[in-house]
């Protein structure tokens, strides 16, 4: 009977150890998952025994100069484009337009107007696709043909690219860099495509803009042109200068941190 009791104690102790061991393994795996999620949110992905940095476009620029860039994506229509050009001329502002190839081919006269007014053109892809779903060959086709369509009209080299929908992955960003295109995002979103009022658009922009900001607008936003005088006057009064994106970004000797901010190497 004593032996039986000791055997029961032994098996109970063994069971307790097994349960505690299983609990420890579960807690360890939970911590690993949590750390992995946090790391991914910080712009890195962690694999088994190795880590790699995510390839990122330029969201903004780290600069002490009070310079910012306003940009307009062109994909649908030109109803308000001339008004945009007029307001920028009145306020002595130069900007960047990102155009889809089919827009360029449909409205070549506006491509000419944009460049003649002192603004710059970047590509916004050939078909306005979700670029992260494309193969490398398809990406190169989107970029090369859309860039060529703009260069044919303007006679100027295209060096900037904005992914449609802001959608990208490592393959897209790495391919852009290989092709000599700087992938550009934004850190200030006007949300003008939601048909906000001119005041609402302006307040979103002026409240978020800072040194090195890149502002996203659209050429065919319903109230975008109306918002520009407020944006320009307010930010100029704060000492900001509007420049095209190619004059804001660093073109060599730079790094991009996990937030997408481009920084000059020192």
Protein backbone atom coordinates (compact mmCIF):
# COMPACT_ATOMS: atom_id res chain seq x y z
CA UNK A 1 0.00 0.00 0.00
CA UNK A 2 2.90 2.34 0.77
CA UNK A 3 4.50 1.51 -2.59
CA UNK A 4 1.20 2.25 -4.33
CA UNK A 5 1.01 5.62 -2.58
CA UNK A 6 4.56 6.52 -3.63
CA UNK A 7 3.79 5.49 -7.19
CA UNK A 8 0.75 7.78 -7.22
CA UNK A 9 2.89 10.66 -5.92
CA UNK A 10 5.50 9.98 -8.58
CA UNK A 11 2.97 10.00 -11.41
CA UNK A 12 1.26 13.10 -9.99
CA UNK A 13 4.59 14.91 -9.82
CA UNK A 14 5.46 13.84 -13.35
CA UNK A 15 2.10 15.06 -14.62
CA UNK A 16 2.59 18.39 -12.85
CA UNK A 17 6.02 18.84 -14.46
CA UNK A 18 4.59 18.05 -17.92
CA UNK A 19 1.78 20.58 -17.47
CA UNK A 20 4.20 23.29 -16.32
CA UNK A 21 6.55 22.53 -19.23
CA UNK A 22 3.69 22.79 -21.72
CA UNK A 23 2.58 26.07 -20.15
CA UNK A 24 6.12 27.45 -20.40
CA UNK A 25 6.39 26.52 -24.10
CA UNK A 26 3.00 28.15 -24.80
CA UNK A 27 4.03 31.37 -23.05
CA UNK A 28 7.35 31.46 -24.91
CA UNK A 29 5.64 31.04 -28.28
CA UNK A 30 3.13 33.78 -27.42
CA UNK A 31 5.95 36.19 -26.59
CA UNK A 32 7.69 35.36 -29.87
CA UNK A 33 4.53 36.03 -31.86
CA UNK A 34 3.97 39.35 -30.08
CA UNK A 35 7.55 40.46 -30.72
CA UNK A 36 7.26 39.40 -34.34
CA UNK A 37 4.10 41.46 -34.82
CA UNK A 38 5.66 44.51 -33.21
CA UNK A 39 8.77 44.18 -35.37
CA UNK A 40 6.70 43.90 -38.55
CA UNK A 41 4.80 47.06 -37.63
CA UNK A 42 8.13 48.84 -37.31
CA UNK A 43 8.93 48.12 -40.93
CA UNK A 44 10.86 44.88 -40.53
CA UNK A 45 9.98 41.27 -40.99
CA UNK A 46 11.47 38.55 -38.82
CA UNK A 47 12.01 35.01 -39.98
CA UNK A 48 13.56 31.91 -38.45
CA UNK A 49 16.92 33.07 -37.21
CA UNK A 50 17.16 36.08 -39.54
CA UNK A 51 15.70 39.55 -40.11
CA UNK A 52 15.35 41.72 -43.19
CA UNK A 53 14.40 45.34 -43.69
CA UNK A 54 11.32 46.09 -45.75
CA UNK A 55 11.91 48.11 -48.92
CA UNK A 56 10.07 51.41 -48.59
CA UNK A 57 9.20 54.35 -50.86
CA UNK A 58 9.83 57.95 -49.83
CA UNK A 59 7.00 59.27 -47.64
CA UNK A 60 8.73 62.47 -46.54
CA UNK A 61 12.18 64.02 -46.28
CA UNK A 62 14.21 64.80 -43.19
CA UNK A 63 15.33 68.40 -43.68
CA UNK A 64 15.88 71.52 -41.60
CA UNK A 65 14.78 73.66 -44.53
CA UNK A 66 11.15 74.77 -44.59
CA UNK A 67 10.46 73.11 -47.92
CA UNK A 68 7.43 71.01 -48.84
CA UNK A 69 6.04 69.49 -52.03
CA UNK A 70 2.46 69.29 -53.25
CA UNK A 71 1.56 66.62 -55.79
CA UNK A 72 -1.43 65.69 -57.93
CA UNK A 73 -2.30 62.22 -59.20
CA UNK A 74 -3.84 62.20 -62.69
CA UNK A 75 -5.91 59.22 -63.77
CA UNK A 76 -9.46 60.37 -64.52
CA UNK A 77 -10.50 63.48 -66.42
CA UNK A 78 -9.22 67.06 -66.66
CA UNK A 79 -12.27 69.07 -65.57
CA UNK A 80 -10.38 71.00 -62.89
CA UNK A 81 -6.81 70.75 -64.13
CA UNK A 82 -6.65 74.15 -65.80
CA UNK A 83 -7.96 75.76 -62.62
CA UNK A 84 -5.18 74.04 -60.66
CA UNK A 85 -2.59 75.41 -63.06
CA UNK A 86 -4.06 78.91 -62.87
CA UNK A 87 -4.06 78.96 -59.06
CA UNK A 88 -0.47 77.73 -58.89
CA UNK A 89 0.64 80.35 -61.38
CA UNK A 90 -1.09 83.06 -59.34
CA UNK A 91 0.69 81.86 -56.20
CA UNK A 92 4.07 81.16 -57.84
CA UNK A 93 4.00 77.49 -56.85
CA UNK A 94 5.66 74.63 -58.69
CA UNK A 95 4.52 71.07 -58.07
CA UNK A 96 4.62 67.47 -59.29
CA UNK A 97 1.97 65.65 -61.32
CA UNK A 98 1.89 61.83 -61.42
CA UNK A 99 0.06 60.63 -64.52
CA UNK A 100 -1.18 57.23 -65.66
CA UNK A 101 -0.22 56.32 -69.22
CA UNK A 102 -3.78 56.23 -70.56
CA UNK A 103 -4.33 59.73 -69.12
CA UNK A 104 -1.15 60.97 -70.78
CA UNK A 105 -2.19 59.53 -74.15
CA UNK A 106 -5.71 60.92 -73.88
CA UNK A 107 -4.71 64.42 -72.75
CA UNK A 108 -1.25 65.14 -74.23
CA UNK A 109 -2.07 68.86 -74.40
CA UNK A 110 -2.34 68.95 -70.60
CA UNK A 111 0.98 67.16 -70.22
CA UNK A 112 2.51 69.94 -72.33
CA UNK A 113 0.74 72.65 -70.30
CA UNK A 114 1.97 71.17 -67.02
CA UNK A 115 5.60 71.08 -68.09
CA UNK A 116 5.50 74.47 -69.83
CA UNK A 117 4.19 75.98 -66.58
CA UNK A 118 7.32 74.80 -64.76
CA UNK A 119 5.89 71.72 -63.07
CA UNK A 120 7.29 68.21 -63.32
CA UNK A 121 5.75 64.93 -64.45
CA UNK A 122 6.15 61.54 -62.83
CA UNK A 123 4.59 58.24 -63.82
CA UNK A 124 1.62 56.75 -62.01
CA UNK A 125 1.91 53.41 -63.89
CA UNK A 126 0.53 52.27 -67.22
CA UNK A 127 -2.85 50.85 -66.16
CA UNK A 128 -3.38 52.04 -62.56
CA UNK A 129 -3.11 48.47 -61.26
CA UNK A 130 -2.37 47.13 -57.80
CA UNK A 131 1.35 46.81 -58.40
CA UNK A 132 2.02 44.37 -55.56
CA UNK A 133 0.02 41.76 -57.48
CA UNK A 134 2.26 41.98 -60.57
CA UNK A 135 5.31 39.97 -61.58
CA UNK A 136 8.67 41.63 -62.09
CA UNK A 137 8.18 41.53 -65.87
CA UNK A 138 4.75 43.15 -65.57
CA UNK A 139 6.10 45.83 -63.23
CA UNK A 140 8.88 46.71 -65.64
CA UNK A 141 6.38 46.95 -68.48
CA UNK A 142 4.12 49.26 -66.45
CA UNK A 143 7.02 51.52 -65.55
CA UNK A 144 8.94 51.58 -68.81
CA UNK A 145 5.97 52.19 -71.14
CA UNK A 146 4.35 54.83 -68.91
CA UNK A 147 7.64 56.65 -68.48
CA UNK A 148 8.28 56.54 -72.24
CA UNK A 149 4.82 57.97 -72.97
CA UNK A 150 5.55 61.04 -70.83
CA UNK A 151 9.08 61.49 -72.14
CA UNK A 152 7.83 61.35 -75.73
CA UNK A 153 5.64 64.41 -75.11
CA UNK A 154 7.84 66.41 -72.76
CA UNK A 155 11.31 65.48 -73.95
CA UNK A 156 12.34 65.29 -70.30
CA UNK A 157 13.51 62.25 -68.36
CA UNK A 158 11.03 60.82 -65.86
CA UNK A 159 12.61 59.92 -62.52
CA UNK A 160 9.61 59.74 -60.15
CA UNK A 161 6.94 57.08 -59.69
CA UNK A 162 3.92 56.91 -57.42
CA UNK A 163 2.24 53.50 -56.95
CA UNK A 164 -1.52 53.54 -57.63
CA UNK A 165 -3.58 53.23 -54.44
CA UNK A 166 -0.32 53.61 -52.49
CA UNK A 167 0.06 49.85 -52.97
CA UNK A 168 3.56 48.35 -53.02
CA UNK A 169 5.78 45.50 -51.91
CA UNK A 170 9.52 44.84 -51.82
CA UNK A 171 9.59 43.67 -55.43
CA UNK A 172 8.02 46.88 -56.71
CA UNK A 173 10.28 49.21 -54.71
CA UNK A 174 13.43 47.26 -55.56
CA UNK A 175 12.48 47.19 -59.25
CA UNK A 176 11.87 50.96 -59.24
CA UNK A 177 15.29 51.58 -57.76
CA UNK A 178 16.92 49.30 -60.32
CA UNK A 179 15.22 51.24 -63.12
CA UNK A 180 16.34 54.61 -61.80
CA UNK A 181 12.92 55.66 -60.55
CA UNK A 182 12.38 57.11 -57.08
CA UNK A 183 9.17 55.60 -55.58
CA UNK A 184 7.17 58.36 -53.90
CA UNK A 185 4.36 58.13 -51.33
CA UNK A 186 3.12 60.95 -49.07
CA UNK A 187 2.85 61.89 -45.42
CA UNK A 188 -0.01 64.41 -45.83
CA UNK A 189 -3.23 63.13 -47.39
CA UNK A 190 -5.74 65.79 -48.44
CA UNK A 191 -8.49 63.18 -48.98
CA UNK A 192 -9.75 65.48 -51.73
CA UNK A 193 -11.06 62.45 -53.65
CA UNK A 194 -13.75 62.12 -50.98
CA UNK A 195 -15.22 65.42 -52.19
CA UNK A 196 -14.51 67.18 -48.92
CA UNK A 197 -15.17 70.91 -48.87
CA UNK A 198 -12.34 73.29 -49.78
CA UNK A 199 -12.00 74.30 -46.13
CA UNK A 200 -11.85 70.70 -44.93
CA UNK A 201 -9.17 69.86 -47.49
CA UNK A 202 -7.13 72.93 -46.59
CA UNK A 203 -7.33 72.27 -42.85
CA UNK A 204 -6.18 68.68 -43.29
CA UNK A 205 -3.15 69.86 -45.21
CA UNK A 206 -2.07 72.90 -43.20
CA UNK A 207 -2.48 71.09 -39.88
CA UNK A 208 -0.28 68.17 -40.96
CA UNK A 209 2.40 69.80 -43.13
CA UNK A 210 5.93 70.10 -41.76
CA UNK A 211 9.47 70.37 -43.08
CA UNK A 212 9.97 67.84 -45.87
CA UNK A 213 6.30 66.89 -46.23
CA UNK A 214 4.88 65.46 -49.44
CA UNK A 215 1.21 66.36 -49.92
CA UNK A 216 -1.17 64.12 -51.86
CA UNK A 217 -3.93 65.66 -53.98
CA UNK A 218 -5.71 64.74 -57.21
CA UNK A 219 -6.06 66.75 -60.40
CA UNK A 220 -9.78 66.08 -60.64
CA UNK A 221 -10.83 66.55 -57.03
CA UNK A 222 -14.12 68.44 -56.87
CA UNK A 223 -12.92 71.15 -54.44
CA UNK A 224 -9.15 70.77 -54.66
CA UNK A 225 -8.51 73.92 -56.70
CA UNK A 226 -10.67 75.95 -54.31
CA UNK A 227 -8.59 74.75 -51.36
CA UNK A 228 -5.23 75.71 -52.83
CA UNK A 229 -5.30 79.47 -52.12
CA UNK A 230 -5.91 78.71 -48.42
CA UNK A 231 -3.14 76.10 -48.37
CA UNK A 232 -0.63 78.28 -50.17
CA UNK A 233 -1.25 81.46 -48.23
CA UNK A 234 -1.30 79.75 -44.83
CA UNK A 235 1.83 77.69 -45.32
CA UNK A 236 3.75 80.49 -47.05
CA UNK A 237 2.93 82.74 -44.10
CA UNK A 238 4.52 80.09 -41.91
CA UNK A 239 7.70 80.35 -43.97
CA UNK A 240 7.29 77.28 -46.15
CA UNK A 241 8.44 77.11 -49.76
CA UNK A 242 6.72 74.81 -52.26
CA UNK A 243 9.08 72.89 -54.55
CA UNK A 244 8.70 69.95 -56.97
CA UNK A 245 9.41 66.58 -55.38
CA UNK A 246 12.65 66.11 -57.34
CA UNK A 247 13.97 69.26 -55.66
CA UNK A 248 12.89 68.08 -52.21
CA UNK A 249 14.29 64.54 -52.08
CA UNK A 250 17.90 63.42 -51.84
CA UNK A 251 18.99 61.68 -55.03
CA UNK A 252 22.09 59.98 -53.63
CA UNK A 253 23.76 59.04 -50.34
CA UNK A 254 20.55 58.59 -48.38
CA UNK A 255 18.69 56.08 -46.26
CA UNK A 256 14.97 55.59 -45.60
CA UNK A 257 13.91 54.83 -42.04
CA UNK A 258 11.06 52.54 -40.95
CA UNK A 259 8.52 55.38 -41.26
CA UNK A 260 9.46 56.11 -44.86
CA UNK A 261 11.36 59.30 -44.04
CA UNK A 262 14.32 59.86 -46.33
CA UNK A 263 17.51 60.99 -44.56
CA UNK A 264 20.83 62.17 -45.93
CA UNK A 265 23.81 60.03 -44.97
CA UNK A 266 26.30 61.96 -42.84
